C-alpha atoms as a PDB file:
ATOM      1  CA  UNK A   1     -13.653  18.864  59.073  1.00  0.00           C
ATOM      2  CA  UNK A   2     -10.123  19.715  57.981  1.00  0.00           C
ATOM      3  CA  UNK A   3      -8.649  19.076  61.424  1.00  0.00           C
ATOM      4  CA  UNK A   4     -10.441  15.720  61.668  1.00  0.00           C
ATOM      5  CA  UNK A   5      -9.103  14.718  58.274  1.00  0.00           C
ATOM      6  CA  UNK A   6      -5.551  15.678  59.260  1.00  0.00           C
ATOM      7  CA  UNK A   7      -5.794  13.655  62.461  1.00  0.00           C
ATOM      8  CA  UNK A   8      -7.154  10.702  60.498  1.00  0.00           C
ATOM      9  CA  UNK A   9      -4.237  10.873  58.065  1.00  0.00           C
ATOM     10  CA  UNK A  10      -1.751  11.082  60.941  1.00  0.00           C
ATOM     11  CA  UNK A  11      -3.316   7.995  62.508  1.00  0.00           C
ATOM     12  CA  UNK A  12      -3.119   6.090  59.221  1.00  0.00           C
ATOM     13  CA  UNK A  13       0.514   7.154  58.831  1.00  0.00           C
ATOM     14  CA  UNK A  14       1.397   5.858  62.280  1.00  0.00           C
ATOM     15  CA  UNK A  15      -0.334   2.552  61.532  1.00  0.00           C
ATOM     16  CA  UNK A  16       1.426   2.181  58.189  1.00  0.00           C
ATOM     17  CA  UNK A  17       4.780   3.002  59.768  1.00  0.00           C
ATOM     18  CA  UNK A  18       4.284   0.759  62.804  1.00  0.00           C
ATOM     19  CA  UNK A  19       6.644  -1.995  61.648  1.00  0.00           C
ATOM     20  CA  UNK A  20       9.237   0.585  60.569  1.00  0.00           C
ATOM     21  CA  UNK A  21       9.115   2.265  63.980  1.00  0.00           C
ATOM     22  CA  UNK A  22       9.512  -1.099  65.728  1.00  0.00           C
ATOM     23  CA  UNK A  23      12.608  -1.887  63.662  1.00  0.00           C
ATOM     24  CA  UNK A  24      13.961   1.589  64.376  1.00  0.00           C
ATOM     25  CA  UNK A  25      13.509   1.226  68.142  1.00  0.00           C
ATOM     26  CA  UNK A  26      15.007  -2.284  68.256  1.00  0.00           C
ATOM     27  CA  UNK A  27      18.065  -1.368  66.199  1.00  0.00           C
ATOM     28  CA  UNK A  28      18.483   1.911  68.080  1.00  0.00           C
ATOM     29  CA  UNK A  29      18.532  -0.027  71.353  1.00  0.00           C
ATOM     30  CA  UNK A  30      21.275  -2.336  70.059  1.00  0.00           C
ATOM     31  CA  UNK A  31      23.303   0.676  68.915  1.00  0.00           C
ATOM     32  CA  UNK A  32      23.023   2.377  72.303  1.00  0.00           C
ATOM     33  CA  UNK A  33      24.070  -0.826  74.111  1.00  0.00           C
ATOM     34  CA  UNK A  34      27.045  -1.172  71.752  1.00  0.00           C
ATOM     35  CA  UNK A  35      27.993   2.465  72.351  1.00  0.00           C
ATOM     36  CA  UNK A  36      27.923   2.047  76.143  1.00  0.00           C
ATOM     37  CA  UNK A  37      30.026  -1.126  76.001  1.00  0.00           C
ATOM     38  CA  UNK A  38      32.502   0.549  73.632  1.00  0.00           C
ATOM     39  CA  UNK A  39      32.809   3.536  75.972  1.00  0.00           C
ATOM     40  CA  UNK A  40      33.486   1.257  78.950  1.00  0.00           C
ATOM     41  CA  UNK A  41      36.198  -0.557  76.957  1.00  0.00           C
ATOM     42  CA  UNK A  42      37.755   2.735  75.888  1.00  0.00           C
ATOM     43  CA  UNK A  43      37.001   2.080  72.197  1.00  0.00           C
ATOM     44  CA  UNK A  44      36.190   5.686  71.387  1.00  0.00           C
ATOM     45  CA  UNK A  45      36.307   5.266  67.615  1.00  0.00           C
ATOM     46  CA  UNK A  46      33.469   2.752  67.966  1.00  0.00           C
ATOM     47  CA  UNK A  47      31.582   5.240  70.136  1.00  0.00           C
ATOM     48  CA  UNK A  48      31.846   7.716  67.267  1.00  0.00           C
ATOM     49  CA  UNK A  49      30.529   5.109  64.809  1.00  0.00           C
ATOM     50  CA  UNK A  50      27.557   4.471  67.105  1.00  0.00           C
ATOM     51  CA  UNK A  51      26.778   8.186  67.311  1.00  0.00           C
ATOM     52  CA  UNK A  52      27.046   8.407  63.530  1.00  0.00           C
ATOM     53  CA  UNK A  53      24.657   5.463  63.182  1.00  0.00           C
ATOM     54  CA  UNK A  54      22.091   7.117  65.462  1.00  0.00           C
ATOM     55  CA  UNK A  55      22.283  10.273  63.347  1.00  0.00           C
ATOM     56  CA  UNK A  56      21.910   8.309  60.102  1.00  0.00           C
ATOM     57  CA  UNK A  57      18.840   6.569  61.547  1.00  0.00           C
ATOM     58  CA  UNK A  58      17.119   9.973  61.668  1.00  0.00           C
ATOM     59  CA  UNK A  59      17.540  10.669  57.952  1.00  0.00           C
ATOM     60  CA  UNK A  60      14.299   8.911  56.831  1.00  0.00           C
ATOM     61  CA  UNK A  61      12.266  10.919  59.345  1.00  0.00           C
ATOM     62  CA  UNK A  62      13.989  14.137  58.309  1.00  0.00           C
ATOM     63  CA  UNK A  63      13.214  13.419  54.647  1.00  0.00           C
ATOM     64  CA  UNK A  64       9.621  12.588  55.546  1.00  0.00           C
ATOM     65  CA  UNK A  65       8.978  15.709  57.636  1.00  0.00           C
ATOM     66  CA  UNK A  66      11.236  18.363  56.104  1.00  0.00           C
ATOM     67  CA  UNK A  67      11.183  17.439  52.432  1.00  0.00           C
ATOM     68  CA  UNK A  68       7.575  16.225  52.456  1.00  0.00           C
ATOM     69  CA  UNK A  69       8.570  12.942  50.813  1.00  0.00           C
ATOM     70  CA  UNK A  70       7.032   9.657  51.873  1.00  0.00           C
ATOM     71  CA  UNK A  71       9.479   6.763  52.126  1.00  0.00           C
ATOM     72  CA  UNK A  72       7.724   3.394  51.711  1.00  0.00           C
ATOM     73  CA  UNK A  73       7.699   1.220  54.803  1.00  0.00           C
ATOM     74  CA  UNK A  74       9.708  -1.582  53.187  1.00  0.00           C
ATOM     75  CA  UNK A  75      12.369   0.828  51.919  1.00  0.00           C
ATOM     76  CA  UNK A  76      12.600   2.524  55.308  1.00  0.00           C
ATOM     77  CA  UNK A  77      13.222  -0.801  57.066  1.00  0.00           C
ATOM     78  CA  UNK A  78      15.856  -1.756  54.480  1.00  0.00           C
ATOM     79  CA  UNK A  79      17.615   1.584  55.043  1.00  0.00           C
ATOM     80  CA  UNK A  80      17.704   1.005  58.812  1.00  0.00           C
ATOM     81  CA  UNK A  81      19.052  -2.525  58.348  1.00  0.00           C
ATOM     82  CA  UNK A  82      21.593  -1.337  55.787  1.00  0.00           C
ATOM     83  CA  UNK A  83      22.994   1.338  58.115  1.00  0.00           C
ATOM     84  CA  UNK A  84      23.090  -1.073  61.047  1.00  0.00           C
ATOM     85  CA  UNK A  85      24.735  -3.805  58.967  1.00  0.00           C
ATOM     86  CA  UNK A  86      27.389  -1.480  57.560  1.00  0.00           C
ATOM     87  CA  UNK A  87      28.377   0.394  60.722  1.00  0.00           C
ATOM     88  CA  UNK A  88      27.587  -1.789  63.742  1.00  0.00           C
ATOM     89  CA  UNK A  89      27.888  -5.291  62.293  1.00  0.00           C
ATOM     90  CA  UNK A  90      30.390  -4.538  59.552  1.00  0.00           C
ATOM     91  CA  UNK A  91      32.800  -2.082  61.166  1.00  0.00           C
ATOM     92  CA  UNK A  92      32.481  -2.645  64.923  1.00  0.00           C
ATOM     93  CA  UNK A  93      31.806  -6.405  64.931  1.00  0.00           C
ATOM     94  CA  UNK A  94      34.025  -6.986  61.887  1.00  0.00           C
ATOM     95  CA  UNK A  95      31.467  -8.902  59.839  1.00  0.00           C
ATOM     96  CA  UNK A  96      33.445  -7.803  56.786  1.00  0.00           C
ATOM     97  CA  UNK A  97      36.174 -10.261  57.817  1.00  0.00           C
ATOM     98  CA  UNK A  98      34.096 -12.947  59.535  1.00  0.00           C
ATOM     99  CA  UNK A  99      31.123 -13.264  57.143  1.00  0.00           C
ATOM    100  CA  UNK A 100      31.943 -14.225  53.534  1.00  0.00           C
ATOM    101  CA  UNK A 101      30.718 -11.693  50.952  1.00  0.00           C
ATOM    102  CA  UNK A 102      29.295  -9.345  53.617  1.00  0.00           C
ATOM    103  CA  UNK A 103      30.799  -6.315  51.855  1.00  0.00           C
ATOM    104  CA  UNK A 104      29.603  -7.610  48.477  1.00  0.00           C
ATOM    105  CA  UNK A 105      26.013  -7.959  49.703  1.00  0.00           C
ATOM    106  CA  UNK A 106      25.979  -4.418  51.099  1.00  0.00           C
ATOM    107  CA  UNK A 107      27.429  -2.841  47.957  1.00  0.00           C
ATOM    108  CA  UNK A 108      24.936  -4.711  45.777  1.00  0.00           C
ATOM    109  CA  UNK A 109      22.096  -3.480  47.970  1.00  0.00           C
ATOM    110  CA  UNK A 110      23.539   0.029  47.881  1.00  0.00           C
ATOM    111  CA  UNK A 111      23.455  -0.008  44.082  1.00  0.00           C
ATOM    112  CA  UNK A 112      19.820  -1.119  44.144  1.00  0.00           C
ATOM    113  CA  UNK A 113      18.747   1.490  46.728  1.00  0.00           C
ATOM    114  CA  UNK A 114      20.573   4.391  45.069  1.00  0.00           C
ATOM    115  CA  UNK A 115      18.990   3.498  41.735  1.00  0.00           C
ATOM    116  CA  UNK A 116      15.581   3.576  43.451  1.00  0.00           C
ATOM    117  CA  UNK A 117      16.318   7.033  44.852  1.00  0.00           C
ATOM    118  CA  UNK A 118      17.540   8.306  41.481  1.00  0.00           C
ATOM    119  CA  UNK A 119      14.453   6.853  39.807  1.00  0.00           C
ATOM    120  CA  UNK A 120      12.232   8.518  42.397  1.00  0.00           C
ATOM    121  CA  UNK A 121      13.759  11.954  41.808  1.00  0.00           C
ATOM    122  CA  UNK A 122      13.059  11.816  38.079  1.00  0.00           C
ATOM    123  CA  UNK A 123       9.626  10.228  38.470  1.00  0.00           C
ATOM    124  CA  UNK A 124       8.604  12.992  40.899  1.00  0.00           C
ATOM    125  CA  UNK A 125       9.612  15.592  38.320  1.00  0.00           C
ATOM    126  CA  UNK A 126       7.745  13.702  35.605  1.00  0.00           C
ATOM    127  CA  UNK A 127       4.534  13.841  37.638  1.00  0.00           C
ATOM    128  CA  UNK A 128       4.990  17.397  38.907  1.00  0.00           C
ATOM    129  CA  UNK A 129       2.728  20.223  37.752  1.00  0.00           C
ATOM    130  CA  UNK A 130       5.656  22.647  37.899  1.00  0.00           C
ATOM    131  CA  UNK A 131       7.651  20.864  35.198  1.00  0.00           C
ATOM    132  CA  UNK A 132       6.217  20.537  31.725  1.00  0.00           C
ATOM    133  CA  UNK A 133       8.388  17.613  30.654  1.00  0.00           C
ATOM    134  CA  UNK A 134       7.717  13.943  30.172  1.00  0.00           C
ATOM    135  CA  UNK A 135      10.801  11.778  30.084  1.00  0.00           C
ATOM    136  CA  UNK A 136      10.665   8.409  28.358  1.00  0.00           C
ATOM    137  CA  UNK A 137      10.823   5.235  30.510  1.00  0.00           C
ATOM    138  CA  UNK A 138      14.205   4.265  29.076  1.00  0.00           C
ATOM    139  CA  UNK A 139      15.625   7.693  29.941  1.00  0.00           C
ATOM    140  CA  UNK A 140      14.269   7.548  33.502  1.00  0.00           C
ATOM    141  CA  UNK A 141      15.828   4.082  33.934  1.00  0.00           C
ATOM    142  CA  UNK A 142      19.129   5.344  32.505  1.00  0.00           C
ATOM    143  CA  UNK A 143      19.205   8.326  34.874  1.00  0.00           C
ATOM    144  CA  UNK A 144      18.466   6.003  37.821  1.00  0.00           C
ATOM    145  CA  UNK A 145      21.356   3.774  36.765  1.00  0.00           C
ATOM    146  CA  UNK A 146      23.769   6.693  36.320  1.00  0.00           C
ATOM    147  CA  UNK A 147      22.746   8.194  39.671  1.00  0.00           C
ATOM    148  CA  UNK A 148      23.477   4.911  41.439  1.00  0.00           C
ATOM    149  CA  UNK A 149      26.853   4.441  39.751  1.00  0.00           C
ATOM    150  CA  UNK A 150      27.848   8.030  40.543  1.00  0.00           C
ATOM    151  CA  UNK A 151      27.120   7.463  44.240  1.00  0.00           C
ATOM    152  CA  UNK A 152      29.105   4.220  44.091  1.00  0.00           C
ATOM    153  CA  UNK A 153      32.118   5.932  42.503  1.00  0.00           C
ATOM    154  CA  UNK A 154      31.998   8.831  44.983  1.00  0.00           C
ATOM    155  CA  UNK A 155      31.989   6.312  47.848  1.00  0.00           C
ATOM    156  CA  UNK A 156      35.087   4.617  46.428  1.00  0.00           C
ATOM    157  CA  UNK A 157      36.726   8.075  46.204  1.00  0.00           C
ATOM    158  CA  UNK A 158      35.923   8.502  49.908  1.00  0.00           C
ATOM    159  CA  UNK A 159      37.415   5.112  50.789  1.00  0.00           C
ATOM    160  CA  UNK A 160      40.573   5.866  48.796  1.00  0.00           C
ATOM    161  CA  UNK A 161      40.914   9.290  50.443  1.00  0.00           C
ATOM    162  CA  UNK A 162      40.488   7.825  53.930  1.00  0.00           C
ATOM    163  CA  UNK A 163      43.115   5.156  53.216  1.00  0.00           C
ATOM    164  CA  UNK A 164      45.603   7.673  51.834  1.00  0.00           C
ATOM    165  CA  UNK A 165      45.104  10.460  54.371  1.00  0.00           C
ATOM    166  CA  UNK A 166      44.025   8.676  57.553  1.00  0.00           C
ATOM    167  CA  UNK A 167      45.841   5.391  56.820  1.00  0.00           C
ATOM    168  CA  UNK A 168      42.684   3.317  57.262  1.00  0.00           C
ATOM    169  CA  UNK A 169      41.945   0.167  55.274  1.00  0.00           C
ATOM    170  CA  UNK A 170      38.479   0.878  53.899  1.00  0.00           C
ATOM    171  CA  UNK A 171      39.597  -0.511  50.545  1.00  0.00           C
ATOM    172  CA  UNK A 172      40.115  -3.957  52.002  1.00  0.00           C
ATOM    173  CA  UNK A 173      43.399  -5.567  50.961  1.00  0.00           C
ATOM    174  CA  UNK A 174      43.550  -9.220  49.999  1.00  0.00           C
ATOM    175  CA  UNK A 175      46.127 -11.927  49.417  1.00  0.00           C
ATOM    176  CA  UNK A 176      46.661 -12.994  45.794  1.00  0.00           C
ATOM    177  CA  UNK A 177      48.918 -15.685  44.346  1.00  0.00           C
ATOM    178  CA  UNK A 178      49.450 -14.126  40.890  1.00  0.00           C
ATOM    179  CA  UNK A 179      50.505 -10.637  39.826  1.00  0.00           C
ATOM    180  CA  UNK A 180      51.111  -9.064  36.414  1.00  0.00           C
ATOM    181  CA  UNK A 181      53.053  -5.801  36.208  1.00  0.00           C
ATOM    182  CA  UNK A 182      55.079  -3.857  33.642  1.00  0.00           C
ATOM    183  CA  UNK A 183      56.978  -2.286  36.566  1.00  0.00           C
ATOM    184  CA  UNK A 184      58.832  -5.597  36.961  1.00  0.00           C
ATOM    185  CA  UNK A 185      60.006  -5.662  33.336  1.00  0.00           C
ATOM    186  CA  UNK A 186      63.856  -5.587  33.520  1.00  0.00           C
ATOM    187  CA  UNK A 187      64.143  -3.762  30.172  1.00  0.00           C
ATOM    188  CA  UNK A 188      61.532  -1.153  31.133  1.00  0.00           C
ATOM    189  CA  UNK A 189      59.291  -2.204  28.237  1.00  0.00           C
ATOM    190  CA  UNK A 190      55.515  -1.981  28.277  1.00  0.00           C
ATOM    191  CA  UNK A 191      55.227  -5.740  28.603  1.00  0.00           C
ATOM    192  CA  UNK A 192      53.900  -7.192  31.872  1.00  0.00           C
ATOM    193  CA  UNK A 193      55.923  -9.681  33.847  1.00  0.00           C
ATOM    194  CA  UNK A 194      53.666 -12.391  35.268  1.00  0.00           C
ATOM    195  CA  UNK A 195      54.551 -14.110  38.524  1.00  0.00           C
ATOM    196  CA  UNK A 196      52.478 -17.170  39.421  1.00  0.00           C
ATOM    197  CA  UNK A 197      52.120 -19.353  42.506  1.00  0.00           C
ATOM    198  CA  UNK A 198      53.360 -16.744  44.998  1.00  0.00           C
ATOM    199  CA  UNK A 199      53.521 -18.360  48.432  1.00  0.00           C
ATOM    200  CA  UNK A 200      55.227 -15.614  50.456  1.00  0.00           C
ATOM    201  CA  UNK A 201      56.103 -11.917  50.298  1.00  0.00           C
ATOM    202  CA  UNK A 202      58.848 -10.305  52.381  1.00  0.00           C
ATOM    203  CA  UNK A 203      58.635  -6.562  53.109  1.00  0.00           C
ATOM    204  CA  UNK A 204      61.653  -4.736  54.518  1.00  0.00           C
ATOM    205  CA  UNK A 205      61.094  -1.402  56.271  1.00  0.00           C
ATOM    206  CA  UNK A 206      63.835   0.811  57.706  1.00  0.00           C
ATOM    207  CA  UNK A 207      61.496   1.786  60.525  1.00  0.00           C
ATOM    208  CA  UNK A 208      59.405  -1.316  61.179  1.00  0.00           C
ATOM    209  CA  UNK A 209      61.833  -4.039  60.147  1.00  0.00           C
ATOM    210  CA  UNK A 210      60.841  -7.151  58.223  1.00  0.00           C
ATOM    211  CA  UNK A 211      57.252  -8.226  57.641  1.00  0.00           C
ATOM    212  CA  UNK A 212      56.411 -11.586  56.063  1.00  0.00           C
ATOM    213  CA  UNK A 213      53.101 -12.067  54.255  1.00  0.00           C
ATOM    214  CA  UNK A 214      52.325 -15.759  54.121  1.00  0.00           C
ATOM    215  CA  UNK A 215      50.204 -17.215  51.331  1.00  0.00           C
ATOM    216  CA  UNK A 216      50.952 -14.787  48.526  1.00  0.00           C
ATOM    217  CA  UNK A 217      51.206 -11.122  47.619  1.00  0.00           C
ATOM    218  CA  UNK A 218      49.168  -8.303  49.213  1.00  0.00           C
ATOM    219  CA  UNK A 219      46.887  -6.546  46.731  1.00  0.00           C
ATOM    220  CA  UNK A 220      46.358  -2.974  47.966  1.00  0.00           C
ATOM    221  CA  UNK A 221      42.640  -2.361  47.533  1.00  0.00           C
ATOM    222  CA  UNK A 222      42.210  -2.425  43.745  1.00  0.00           C
ATOM    223  CA  UNK A 223      40.389  -5.780  43.654  1.00  0.00           C
ATOM    224  CA  UNK A 224      38.049  -4.681  46.445  1.00  0.00           C
ATOM    225  CA  UNK A 225      37.303  -1.377  44.677  1.00  0.00           C
ATOM    226  CA  UNK A 226      36.524  -2.990  41.326  1.00  0.00           C
ATOM    227  CA  UNK A 227      34.442  -5.728  42.950  1.00  0.00           C
ATOM    228  CA  UNK A 228      32.419  -3.091  44.813  1.00  0.00           C
ATOM    229  CA  UNK A 229      31.748  -1.168  41.600  1.00  0.00           C
ATOM    230  CA  UNK A 230      30.783  -4.323  39.712  1.00  0.00           C
ATOM    231  CA  UNK A 231      28.205  -5.411  42.298  1.00  0.00           C
ATOM    232  CA  UNK A 232      26.967  -1.798  42.551  1.00  0.00           C
ATOM    233  CA  UNK A 233      26.475  -2.033  38.780  1.00  0.00           C
ATOM    234  CA  UNK A 234      24.461  -5.239  39.194  1.00  0.00           C
ATOM    235  CA  UNK A 235      22.217  -3.668  41.839  1.00  0.00           C
ATOM    236  CA  UNK A 236      21.725  -0.524  39.749  1.00  0.00           C
ATOM    237  CA  UNK A 237      20.864  -2.479  36.601  1.00  0.00           C
ATOM    238  CA  UNK A 238      18.403  -4.675  38.520  1.00  0.00           C
ATOM    239  CA  UNK A 239      16.366  -1.754  39.815  1.00  0.00           C
ATOM    240  CA  UNK A 240      16.641   0.221  36.563  1.00  0.00           C
ATOM    241  CA  UNK A 241      15.022  -2.697  34.712  1.00  0.00           C
ATOM    242  CA  UNK A 242      12.285  -2.927  37.350  1.00  0.00           C
ATOM    243  CA  UNK A 243      11.748   0.826  37.112  1.00  0.00           C
ATOM    244  CA  UNK A 244      11.510   0.696  33.337  1.00  0.00           C
ATOM    245  CA  UNK A 245       8.749  -1.927  33.402  1.00  0.00           C
ATOM    246  CA  UNK A 246       7.052  -0.165  36.331  1.00  0.00           C
ATOM    247  CA  UNK A 247       6.586   3.013  34.267  1.00  0.00           C
ATOM    248  CA  UNK A 248       5.118   0.961  31.433  1.00  0.00           C
ATOM    249  CA  UNK A 249       2.646  -0.849  33.682  1.00  0.00           C
ATOM    250  CA  UNK A 250       2.357   0.538  37.214  1.00  0.00           C
ATOM    251  CA  UNK A 251      -0.415  -1.871  38.194  1.00  0.00           C
ATOM    252  CA  UNK A 252       1.370  -5.032  37.074  1.00  0.00           C
ATOM    253  CA  UNK A 253       4.657  -4.050  38.754  1.00  0.00           C
ATOM    254  CA  UNK A 254       3.082  -2.372  41.761  1.00  0.00           C
ATOM    255  CA  UNK A 255       5.461  -4.146  44.179  1.00  0.00           C
ATOM    256  CA  UNK A 256       8.196  -1.817  42.860  1.00  0.00           C
ATOM    257  CA  UNK A 257       6.495   1.018  44.766  1.00  0.00           C
ATOM    258  CA  UNK A 258       7.874  -0.526  47.966  1.00  0.00           C
ATOM    259  CA  UNK A 259      11.283   0.887  46.995  1.00  0.00           C
ATOM    260  CA  UNK A 260      10.314   4.266  45.491  1.00  0.00           C
ATOM    261  CA  UNK A 261      10.001   7.405  47.688  1.00  0.00           C
ATOM    262  CA  UNK A 262       7.017   9.592  46.757  1.00  0.00           C
ATOM    263  CA  UNK A 263       6.130  13.236  47.058  1.00  0.00           C
ATOM    264  CA  UNK A 264       3.335  13.500  49.604  1.00  0.00           C
ATOM    265  CA  UNK A 265      -0.062  14.575  48.362  1.00  0.00           C
ATOM    266  CA  UNK A 266      -1.477  17.684  49.941  1.00  0.00           C
ATOM    267  CA  UNK A 267      -4.431  17.082  52.187  1.00  0.00           C
ATOM    268  CA  UNK A 268      -7.746  18.335  50.903  1.00  0.00           C
ATOM    269  CA  UNK A 269     -10.283  20.064  53.139  1.00  0.00           C
END
């Protein structure tokens, strides 16, 4: 009887995960094609990104099998699409430059997803027999929010480190027409000097010569970093509110379960 029940549960799992598996196979195929084309072109950094993407695609299955945590089908598909959008579309196909607000959309989604994961961790503990604690809904929502923002800040640390050490441009620079800086104050006072309507910046380098930036002044990453954290905040707050109401009324806000990983229930004989 036990073996039949296990086989039945495995069959149900495969049926429930059918759409997720289809998305995985389709996206995996695109990644492999991109990797082959990149190798032929000699774009070995893109080959590395493709390999990284294939590894990241395995994380949901590793969590499911090794940690005994069930990731909802909807969340699993979103994770696959998020990874594909960030690495293959964003980095290799440069959607960050060609599609307006592409980076903003991904960081907002990241804030939402990380809040869901943080919420799940606390909710699992709340419903565990091993922990004799019951955290209030507002506290669970707050922890979910803080977890998401911490991940967002750590990612910005990573981008800053990569830009400083590897000379990448993960903190995307942008052209601005107005700057305000106390460093430009001729008397050295703590009063900012504001320069408006900048139409051109000239950079002189002893090694690389003169570089002209048309259209304004080049902001080095700070606007991108703050924008990323702000939209991460929006995503985190959105899910934290949903999570708060979900704890109060799980039946009414049942759709929230589509984004919350769950500890698997042990099969009964």
